[in-house]
Amino acid sequence: MGILDAIAGKKDAEKEQDRVENSSQNSPAGKYSEPCSLCNKLGTEKKWMGKYWHVKCFRSARKMAKRMF
């Protein structure tokens, strides 16, 4: 709790509630509600080998694997 919060009269509970609301707004609507295997964010669209992925993360992981061989 900072000095500006003390001046504004904002409580810790209000800050926690604001954080929860912001996190639910920032997560994109995906097919699954599981976190991504690569970036750990919610709103995944693809399930492959028991793991959930964003399409963008899946493409980048696949390209990284191709470069290894």
Protein backbone atom coordinates (compact mmCIF):
# COMPACT_ATOMS: atom_id res chain seq x y z
CA MET A 1 0.00 0.00 0.00
CA GLY A 2 1.67 3.18 -1.19
CA ILE A 3 1.34 6.77 -0.13
CA LEU A 4 -1.05 7.61 -2.97
CA ASP A 5 -3.35 4.78 -1.91
CA ALA A 6 -3.40 6.17 1.64
CA ILE A 7 -4.37 9.61 0.30
CA ALA A 8 -7.09 8.21 -1.95
CA GLY A 9 -8.36 5.94 0.83
CA LYS A 10 -7.98 2.78 -1.24
CA LYS A 11 -7.88 -0.41 0.83
CA ASP A 12 -5.95 -3.63 0.17
CA ALA A 13 -9.19 -5.50 -0.53
CA GLU A 14 -10.10 -2.99 -3.23
CA LYS A 15 -6.67 -3.39 -4.82
CA GLU A 16 -7.04 -7.18 -4.80
CA GLN A 17 -10.49 -6.95 -6.38
CA ASP A 18 -9.18 -4.60 -9.09
CA ARG A 19 -6.31 -6.99 -9.83
CA VAL A 20 -8.70 -9.95 -10.20
CA GLU A 21 -11.00 -7.98 -12.51
CA ASN A 22 -8.08 -6.84 -14.67
CA SER A 23 -6.68 -10.35 -15.00
CA SER A 24 -10.03 -11.71 -16.17
CA GLN A 25 -10.37 -8.91 -18.73
CA ASN A 26 -6.85 -9.39 -20.11
CA SER A 27 -7.21 -13.10 -20.82
CA PRO A 28 -8.44 -13.73 -24.35
CA ALA A 29 -11.45 -15.93 -24.91
CA GLY A 30 -10.13 -19.28 -26.08
CA LYS A 31 -11.45 -22.74 -26.63
CA TYR A 32 -9.95 -24.05 -23.36
CA SER A 33 -9.57 -22.39 -19.97
CA GLU A 34 -6.18 -24.07 -19.34
CA PRO A 35 -2.89 -22.13 -19.29
CA CYS A 36 -0.59 -22.30 -22.30
CA SER A 37 2.38 -24.68 -22.05
CA LEU A 38 4.81 -22.10 -23.40
CA CYS A 39 3.75 -18.69 -22.09
CA ASN A 40 1.49 -19.78 -19.17
CA LYS A 41 -1.36 -17.41 -20.10
CA LEU A 42 -5.02 -18.41 -20.22
CA GLY A 43 -7.25 -18.66 -23.28
CA THR A 44 -5.69 -21.51 -25.23
CA GLU A 45 -7.05 -22.66 -28.58
CA LYS A 46 -5.19 -25.89 -29.35
CA LYS A 47 -4.65 -29.17 -27.51
CA TRP A 48 -1.75 -31.32 -28.66
CA MET A 49 -0.26 -34.33 -26.87
CA GLY A 50 -2.09 -33.52 -23.63
CA LYS A 51 -0.83 -29.93 -23.52
CA TYR A 52 -2.73 -26.73 -24.25
CA TRP A 53 -1.30 -24.06 -26.57
CA HIS A 54 -2.07 -20.72 -28.13
CA VAL A 55 -1.81 -21.01 -31.91
CA LYS A 56 1.03 -18.47 -31.97
CA CYS A 57 2.96 -20.27 -29.20
CA PHE A 58 2.43 -23.64 -30.88
CA ARG A 59 3.84 -22.35 -34.17
CA SER A 60 6.91 -20.89 -32.50
CA ALA A 61 7.56 -24.09 -30.49
CA ARG A 62 7.19 -26.19 -33.62
CA LYS A 63 9.67 -23.98 -35.50
CA MET A 64 12.14 -24.21 -32.61
CA ALA A 65 11.88 -28.01 -32.66
CA LYS A 66 12.47 -28.11 -36.42
CA ARG A 67 15.63 -26.02 -36.04
CA MET A 68 17.01 -28.47 -33.48
CA PHE A 69 17.13 -31.28 -36.05
